[in-house]
Protein backbone atom coordinates (compact mmCIF):
# COMPACT_ATOMS: atom_id res chain seq x y z
CA MET A 1 -11.69 -34.90 11.99
CA ASN A 2 -12.01 -35.19 8.18
CA ASN A 3 -12.24 -32.28 5.65
CA VAL A 4 -15.80 -31.93 5.02
CA PHE A 5 -16.55 -31.59 8.98
CA LYS A 6 -14.01 -29.21 9.13
CA LYS A 7 -15.46 -26.93 6.36
CA LEU A 8 -19.03 -27.44 7.93
CA ILE A 9 -16.88 -26.24 11.01
CA TYR A 10 -15.14 -23.04 9.63
CA LYS A 11 -18.77 -22.16 7.61
CA PHE A 12 -20.44 -22.35 10.86
CA ILE A 13 -18.08 -20.27 12.60
CA TRP A 14 -18.38 -17.68 10.21
CA ILE A 15 -22.02 -17.74 9.76
CA THR A 16 -22.18 -17.11 13.77
CA GLY A 17 -20.46 -13.50 13.04
CA ILE A 18 -18.00 -14.05 15.72
CA PRO A 19 -14.98 -13.28 12.65
CA PHE A 20 -16.76 -10.03 11.49
CA PHE A 21 -16.99 -8.65 14.84
CA ILE A 22 -13.32 -9.39 15.69
CA ARG A 23 -12.72 -8.03 12.27
CA ARG A 24 -14.50 -4.94 12.82
CA PHE A 25 -13.91 -4.13 16.93
CA VAL A 26 -10.84 -5.93 17.70
CA GLN A 27 -8.46 -6.40 14.74
CA LYS A 28 -9.08 -2.67 13.61
CA LYS A 29 -6.38 -0.91 15.67
CA LYS A 30 -4.01 -4.20 15.44
CA VAL A 31 -1.65 -5.73 12.76
CA THR A 32 -2.67 -9.33 11.75
CA ILE A 33 0.17 -11.45 10.43
CA LEU A 34 -0.44 -14.84 8.60
CA LEU A 35 1.48 -17.60 7.87
CA PHE A 36 1.47 -19.69 4.56
CA HIS A 37 4.06 -21.95 3.09
CA GLU A 38 3.90 -23.45 -0.39
CA LEU A 39 0.22 -21.61 -1.86
CA LYS A 40 -0.18 -22.50 -5.51
CA PRO A 41 -0.87 -19.61 -7.81
CA GLN A 42 -4.95 -19.88 -8.02
CA SER A 43 -4.85 -19.98 -4.46
CA ALA A 44 -2.83 -17.26 -4.08
CA GLU A 45 -4.95 -14.94 -6.40
CA LYS A 46 -8.17 -16.14 -4.64
CA ILE A 47 -6.91 -15.43 -0.90
CA ILE A 48 -5.72 -12.00 -2.02
CA LYS A 49 -9.28 -11.44 -3.71
CA ILE A 50 -10.51 -12.35 -0.37
CA LEU A 51 -8.52 -10.50 2.04
CA GLN A 52 -8.22 -7.31 -0.19
CA LYS A 53 -11.94 -6.61 0.60
CA LYS A 54 -11.89 -7.60 4.36
CA TYR A 55 -8.31 -5.87 5.28
CA GLN A 56 -5.75 -3.39 4.21
CA ILE A 57 -2.99 -5.26 3.39
CA ILE A 58 0.55 -3.76 4.08
CA SER A 59 4.64 -4.64 3.91
CA LEU A 60 6.03 -5.94 6.58
CA GLN A 61 8.57 -3.02 6.44
CA THR A 62 5.59 -0.73 6.85
CA TYR A 63 4.84 -2.17 10.22
CA VAL A 64 8.46 -2.27 11.29
CA LYS A 65 9.19 1.36 10.44
CA ALA A 66 5.90 2.20 12.31
CA CYS A 67 7.24 0.38 15.26
CA ARG A 68 10.63 1.99 14.66
CA GLU A 69 9.48 5.90 14.68
CA HIS A 70 6.77 4.73 17.36
CA ASP A 71 3.97 5.81 14.91
CA GLY A 72 0.76 3.99 14.97
CA ASN A 73 -0.91 6.72 12.74
CA MET A 74 1.47 4.65 9.72
CA LEU A 75 -0.80 2.03 10.01
CA PRO A 76 -4.11 1.56 8.28
CA ASP A 77 -7.23 0.10 10.07
CA ARG A 78 -7.37 -3.87 9.81
CA ALA A 79 -3.64 -3.84 8.72
CA LEU A 80 -2.54 -7.47 7.28
CA ILE A 81 0.94 -8.76 6.81
CA LEU A 82 1.27 -12.01 4.52
CA THR A 83 4.01 -13.90 5.19
CA PHE A 84 5.66 -17.00 3.64
CA ASP A 85 8.21 -19.60 5.67
CA ASP A 86 11.16 -21.68 4.17
CA GLY A 87 11.47 -20.41 0.97
CA TYR A 88 9.89 -23.04 -1.41
CA ILE A 89 10.90 -23.16 -4.89
CA SER A 90 7.09 -23.43 -5.47
CA ASN A 91 6.76 -19.59 -3.86
CA TYR A 92 8.48 -18.53 -7.47
CA LYS A 93 5.30 -19.12 -9.44
CA LEU A 94 3.71 -16.68 -7.13
CA TYR A 95 5.94 -13.92 -7.97
CA PRO A 96 3.57 -12.98 -10.95
CA VAL A 97 0.14 -13.20 -9.01
CA PHE A 98 1.59 -10.82 -6.47
CA GLN A 99 3.19 -8.40 -8.90
CA LYS A 100 -0.45 -8.67 -10.82
CA TYR A 101 -1.94 -7.18 -7.65
CA ASN A 102 0.39 -4.99 -6.44
CA ILE A 103 0.38 -6.85 -2.90
CA PRO A 104 3.41 -7.01 -0.47
CA TRP A 105 4.78 -10.04 0.88
CA THR A 106 7.36 -11.53 2.77
CA ILE A 107 9.38 -14.56 2.08
CA PHE A 108 11.53 -16.01 5.04
CA LEU A 109 14.41 -17.71 3.43
CA CYS A 110 16.51 -20.59 4.87
CA ALA A 111 19.94 -19.38 3.86
CA GLY A 112 21.95 -22.79 3.85
CA ILE A 113 19.47 -24.03 1.43
CA VAL A 114 18.33 -21.82 -1.04
CA GLY A 115 20.42 -21.44 -3.92
CA THR A 116 21.36 -24.70 -3.47
CA ASN A 117 19.99 -28.46 -4.53
CA ARG A 118 19.33 -29.20 -0.63
CA LYS A 119 16.81 -30.62 1.15
CA PHE A 120 14.78 -29.56 4.14
CA TRP A 121 15.45 -31.92 6.81
CA PHE A 122 11.49 -32.77 7.13
CA LYS A 123 10.63 -33.08 3.57
CA VAL A 124 12.61 -36.53 3.78
CA GLU A 125 11.18 -39.81 4.61
CA ILE A 126 12.17 -40.96 8.25
CA GLU A 127 10.56 -44.36 8.99
CA SER A 128 10.24 -45.30 12.32
CA GLU A 129 10.29 -42.00 13.75
CA ASP A 130 7.65 -40.17 15.38
CA ARG A 131 8.08 -36.65 14.13
CA ASN A 132 6.71 -35.23 17.04
CA GLU A 133 9.82 -36.77 18.87
CA LEU A 134 12.18 -34.95 16.91
CA ARG A 135 11.79 -31.55 18.95
CA ARG A 136 13.75 -33.41 21.48
CA LEU A 137 16.64 -33.83 18.89
CA THR A 138 20.10 -31.85 18.34
CA PHE A 139 20.39 -30.62 14.91
CA LYS A 140 23.23 -33.37 14.72
CA GLU A 141 20.84 -35.89 16.09
CA LEU A 142 18.69 -35.22 13.39
CA ASN A 143 21.68 -35.39 11.12
CA MET A 144 22.19 -39.20 11.61
CA LEU A 145 18.69 -40.25 11.63
CA ASP A 146 19.63 -41.86 8.68
CA GLU A 147 22.47 -40.13 6.94
CA LYS A 148 21.67 -42.04 3.44
CA VAL A 149 18.74 -39.85 3.56
CA PHE A 150 19.52 -36.73 5.14
CA ASP A 151 22.89 -34.60 5.39
CA VAL A 152 22.74 -30.68 5.58
CA LYS A 153 25.62 -30.78 2.82
CA ASN A 154 24.14 -33.52 0.65
CA GLU A 155 23.04 -32.15 -2.82
CA TYR A 156 20.49 -34.05 -4.91
CA PRO A 157 19.26 -33.87 -8.77
CA THR A 158 16.88 -31.19 -8.19
CA PRO A 159 16.04 -28.32 -5.71
CA GLN A 160 13.52 -28.00 -2.73
CA ALA A 161 13.89 -24.33 -2.36
CA LEU A 162 14.20 -21.08 -4.20
CA THR A 163 17.29 -20.42 -6.69
CA ASP A 164 19.97 -17.99 -7.05
CA LYS A 165 18.42 -16.54 -10.42
CA GLN A 166 14.98 -16.63 -8.82
CA ILE A 167 15.85 -14.98 -5.41
CA MET A 168 17.72 -12.19 -7.80
CA GLU A 169 15.04 -11.68 -10.24
CA MET A 170 12.44 -11.00 -7.12
CA LYS A 171 14.43 -8.99 -5.24
CA PRO A 172 13.28 -5.31 -6.16
CA THR A 173 9.86 -6.24 -5.27
CA VAL A 174 9.59 -8.81 -2.59
CA ASP A 175 10.64 -8.52 0.95
CA MET A 176 12.99 -11.46 1.71
CA GLN A 177 13.94 -12.23 5.35
CA ALA A 178 15.73 -14.96 7.57
CA HIS A 179 14.55 -18.01 8.90
CA THR A 180 18.15 -19.62 9.84
CA MET A 181 20.66 -21.53 7.86
CA PHE A 182 18.95 -25.08 7.73
CA HIS A 183 15.67 -25.01 9.55
CA PRO A 184 16.77 -26.83 12.76
CA PHE A 185 14.42 -27.00 16.50
CA LEU A 186 16.50 -24.18 17.51
CA THR A 187 15.85 -24.52 21.49
CA SER A 188 17.28 -28.02 20.95
CA CYS A 189 20.53 -26.64 19.25
CA SER A 190 23.69 -25.91 21.38
CA ASP A 191 24.34 -22.25 21.83
CA SER A 192 26.81 -22.07 19.56
CA GLU A 193 24.61 -24.14 16.97
CA ALA A 194 21.89 -21.54 17.63
CA GLU A 195 23.75 -18.45 17.37
CA TYR A 196 25.43 -19.60 13.69
CA GLU A 197 21.91 -20.51 12.39
CA ILE A 198 20.74 -17.20 13.69
CA ARG A 199 23.65 -15.24 12.60
CA GLU A 200 24.63 -16.56 9.60
CA SER A 201 21.48 -16.78 7.91
CA LYS A 202 21.47 -13.12 7.98
CA GLU A 203 25.18 -12.69 7.02
CA VAL A 204 24.81 -15.16 3.95
CA LEU A 205 21.88 -13.46 2.88
CA GLN A 206 22.93 -9.82 2.80
CA LYS A 207 26.43 -10.76 1.57
CA LYS A 208 25.36 -13.61 -1.13
CA TYR A 209 22.15 -11.53 -2.72
CA GLY A 210 22.42 -8.16 -1.26
CA LEU A 211 18.92 -8.11 0.70
CA ASP A 212 18.33 -5.60 3.21
CA VAL A 213 18.07 -8.46 6.40
CA ASN A 214 16.22 -6.94 9.65
CA ALA A 215 13.76 -9.37 10.07
CA PHE A 216 13.87 -13.27 11.81
CA SER A 217 11.50 -16.00 11.80
CA TYR A 218 11.70 -18.31 14.42
CA PRO A 219 11.57 -21.95 12.70
CA ILE A 220 8.46 -24.03 13.64
CA GLY A 221 8.00 -21.17 16.32
CA ASP A 222 10.51 -22.44 18.41
CA TYR A 223 12.09 -19.64 20.49
CA SER A 224 13.44 -18.83 24.01
CA GLU A 225 14.82 -16.15 25.69
CA ARG A 226 18.46 -17.57 24.38
CA GLU A 227 17.32 -17.52 20.80
CA ILE A 228 15.69 -13.94 21.46
CA ASN A 229 18.99 -12.77 22.56
CA PHE A 230 20.72 -14.04 19.66
CA VAL A 231 18.60 -12.36 17.12
CA LYS A 232 19.13 -9.24 19.13
CA GLU A 233 22.89 -9.72 19.24
CA ALA A 234 22.71 -10.65 14.99
CA GLY A 235 21.29 -6.99 14.43
CA PHE A 236 17.58 -8.00 13.60
CA GLU A 237 14.98 -5.10 14.33
CA CYS A 238 12.35 -7.98 15.14
CA ALA A 239 11.28 -11.87 14.69
CA LEU A 240 8.22 -13.51 14.36
CA THR A 241 6.63 -16.13 16.44
CA VAL A 242 3.66 -18.72 15.47
CA ASP A 243 2.42 -17.55 19.06
CA CYS A 244 -1.30 -16.43 18.02
CA GLY A 245 -2.93 -12.93 18.62
CA PHE A 246 -2.55 -9.77 17.01
CA ASN A 247 0.17 -6.88 16.83
CA ASP A 248 0.14 -2.99 17.73
CA ILE A 249 3.49 -0.75 17.78
CA GLU A 250 3.91 -1.91 21.81
CA THR A 251 3.96 -5.65 21.11
CA ASP A 252 7.60 -6.93 21.70
CA PRO A 253 9.10 -6.72 18.30
CA PHE A 254 10.93 -10.30 18.76
CA ARG A 255 8.11 -11.95 19.80
CA LEU A 256 5.51 -11.24 16.95
CA ARG A 257 2.25 -12.90 16.73
CA ARG A 258 1.15 -14.99 13.70
CA LEU A 259 -1.69 -16.97 12.16
CA SER A 260 -1.23 -19.95 10.37
CA VAL A 261 -3.72 -20.55 7.77
CA ASN A 262 -2.44 -23.87 6.59
CA ASP A 263 -2.17 -22.71 2.87
CA THR A 264 -6.13 -22.63 2.41
CA ASP A 265 -8.03 -21.11 -0.06
CA ASP A 266 -11.29 -21.73 1.26
CA LYS A 267 -13.27 -18.31 2.07
CA TYR A 268 -14.82 -19.72 4.88
CA GLU A 269 -11.37 -21.43 6.67
CA LEU A 270 -9.22 -18.53 5.38
CA LEU A 271 -11.42 -15.53 7.23
CA VAL A 272 -12.06 -17.71 10.41
CA LYS A 273 -8.79 -18.10 10.77
CA ALA A 274 -7.26 -15.21 9.81
CA SER A 275 -9.48 -13.67 12.56
CA GLY A 276 -7.64 -15.79 15.53
CA VAL A 277 -10.80 -17.73 15.98
CA TRP A 278 -9.85 -21.33 14.98
CA ALA A 279 -6.78 -20.73 17.04
CA TYR A 280 -8.40 -19.84 20.01
CA VAL A 281 -10.56 -23.05 19.52
CA ARG A 282 -7.73 -24.93 19.14
CA ASN A 283 -6.23 -24.16 22.18
CA ILE A 284 -9.19 -24.53 23.87
CA PHE A 285 -9.21 -28.04 23.26
CA SER A 286 -5.54 -28.99 23.01
CA LYS A 287 -5.76 -27.98 26.76
CA ASN A 288 -8.97 -30.16 27.76
């Protein structure tokens, strides 16, 4: 589906009024969590202006506290949380924008990659491999695909993730949480690998940067009961998935739902995806 056709579909769905209906009546008493990765600064400013008119943007920690105290009155109507996965170095350019508008946001950091010149495995060129098939591989097997191209211990000329200096500068006003050490497919890891990736990411971020780490994000949204148990044992209060839907204080804190908006700054695409309509439509077509 080409981009022009997609834009027309998003605008058509928006014109139908369905996103407005969902926002007005379904999301009113729910908490919506959006997922971003590498927004550009001009896009961030645009989406903030759009979302501020439709939702009440709150911090993830405000929601966590409301759940901890089981007090729904702490949450405004149409509450919205902005999250970014991985901790890309480009996120630093967003810092002045969020500061300007005084908007809370959460970045989930890969603790073994931030502060280094290591690469994310999915950001390298891996020839003759279907990336969809990579989900079936263990993390050790991923490392062996092409050791000349990717090894978790390799350091490269430039960083892909946030630097130590950037993290410390952002620390006072940006909520930074854990996203494993090296971003593996957790469900393909052995018990010891999965437990290490989850537990160590929390410990490293707390010891190295003095962060208050209580939230975890499952890489690629992959998780099972095993990963949930490891997250609980590591002392996290909640964990975020990419399961579609909304949340409230009764939602399982270790299965919090998020909606991916694909780093778009297109008004219609953003509002359609933030309403959950697009995820619903996509799920219907994927089953057919």
